[in-house]
Amino acid sequence: MTNKEEQFIETFDEDGNKVTFELLDIVTVDDIEYALLLPKDAETEDEESEVLVMRLKKDGEEYTFETIEDDEEFDKVAQYIEEIEDEIED
């Protein structure tokens, strides 16, 4: 994973509530891009939040975020991220 300037993304959840995420990184697995997102509201020193992994889909000049519904696809991406983290720690 690379260190980049902080980037924030605002979107709406299924209930129409505005949600802000910090884009931590974008990784590519099997030629598909995935975004690693941290909910901004959960970012406190005392609380550790889970990073969300979402599939990126390019639509013209814009990107949309899609939930990964397939367990096998999610597991493959999660394993790739863990391998990268292990390499960084070494």
Protein backbone atom coordinates (compact mmCIF):
# COMPACT_ATOMS: atom_id res chain seq x y z
CA MET A 1 0.00 0.00 0.00
CA THR A 2 1.21 3.47 -0.70
CA ASN A 3 1.27 6.62 1.36
CA LYS A 4 -0.82 9.30 -0.28
CA GLU A 5 -2.27 12.63 0.66
CA GLU A 6 -5.53 12.19 2.57
CA GLN A 7 -8.51 11.88 0.26
CA PHE A 8 -12.09 11.91 1.46
CA ILE A 9 -15.10 10.57 -0.37
CA GLU A 10 -18.68 11.49 0.43
CA THR A 11 -21.50 9.17 -0.53
CA PHE A 12 -24.95 8.17 0.67
CA ASP A 13 -25.89 4.91 2.36
CA GLU A 14 -29.01 2.90 1.55
CA ASP A 15 -31.02 5.03 4.02
CA GLY A 16 -30.00 8.29 2.30
CA ASN A 17 -27.62 9.37 5.08
CA LYS A 18 -24.44 11.15 4.00
CA VAL A 19 -21.33 9.13 4.87
CA THR A 20 -17.72 10.28 4.60
CA PHE A 21 -14.83 7.87 4.08
CA GLU A 22 -11.10 8.34 3.94
CA LEU A 23 -9.68 6.61 0.87
CA LEU A 24 -6.72 4.71 2.28
CA ASP A 25 -5.59 2.97 -0.88
CA ILE A 26 -6.62 1.31 -4.11
CA VAL A 27 -5.44 -2.23 -4.84
CA THR A 28 -5.81 -4.31 -7.98
CA VAL A 29 -6.64 -8.01 -7.82
CA ASP A 30 -7.29 -10.00 -11.01
CA ASP A 31 -7.48 -6.74 -13.02
CA ILE A 32 -10.25 -5.37 -10.78
CA GLU A 33 -9.67 -2.30 -8.60
CA TYR A 34 -10.78 -2.24 -4.97
CA ALA A 35 -10.89 0.74 -2.62
CA LEU A 36 -9.88 0.52 1.04
CA LEU A 37 -12.11 2.93 2.91
CA LEU A 38 -12.13 4.08 6.53
CA PRO A 39 -15.33 5.64 7.86
CA LYS A 40 -14.34 9.18 8.88
CA ASP A 41 -16.79 9.35 11.79
CA ALA A 42 -15.14 6.31 13.40
CA GLU A 43 -11.67 7.87 13.34
CA THR A 44 -10.77 8.52 16.97
CA GLU A 45 -7.70 7.75 18.99
CA ASP A 46 -9.58 5.47 21.40
CA GLU A 47 -11.60 3.60 18.80
CA GLU A 48 -10.30 1.39 15.99
CA SER A 49 -12.64 1.05 13.05
CA GLU A 50 -12.78 -1.64 10.41
CA VAL A 51 -11.57 -0.80 6.94
CA LEU A 52 -14.20 -1.38 4.28
CA VAL A 53 -13.22 -2.97 0.98
CA MET A 54 -15.37 -2.07 -2.01
CA ARG A 55 -15.08 -2.81 -5.72
CA LEU A 56 -14.43 0.23 -7.91
CA LYS A 57 -16.34 0.50 -11.15
CA LYS A 58 -15.49 3.18 -13.67
CA ASP A 59 -18.46 4.75 -15.40
CA GLY A 60 -17.16 7.27 -17.93
CA GLU A 61 -15.04 9.70 -15.93
CA GLU A 62 -16.61 8.78 -12.58
CA TYR A 63 -16.05 5.90 -10.20
CA THR A 64 -18.75 4.13 -8.25
CA PHE A 65 -18.26 1.87 -5.24
CA GLU A 66 -19.90 -1.55 -5.19
CA THR A 67 -20.32 -3.96 -2.32
CA ILE A 68 -18.54 -7.26 -2.84
CA GLU A 69 -21.36 -9.81 -2.66
CA ASP A 70 -19.32 -12.90 -3.58
CA ASP A 71 -17.57 -14.47 -0.55
CA GLU A 72 -14.86 -16.04 -2.72
CA GLU A 73 -14.03 -12.69 -4.34
CA PHE A 74 -13.95 -10.95 -0.95
CA ASP A 75 -11.70 -13.64 0.55
CA LYS A 76 -9.28 -13.34 -2.39
CA VAL A 77 -9.03 -9.55 -1.95
CA ALA A 78 -8.69 -9.82 1.84
CA GLN A 79 -5.88 -12.37 1.46
CA TYR A 80 -4.07 -10.09 -1.00
CA ILE A 81 -4.32 -7.15 1.42
CA GLU A 82 -2.98 -9.28 4.28
CA GLU A 83 -0.01 -10.35 2.12
CA ILE A 84 0.79 -6.71 1.35
CA GLU A 85 0.57 -5.79 5.05
CA ASP A 86 2.91 -8.68 5.93
CA GLU A 87 5.45 -7.49 3.33
CA ILE A 88 5.31 -3.93 4.68
CA GLU A 89 5.88 -5.12 8.25
CA ASP A 90 8.98 -7.13 7.27
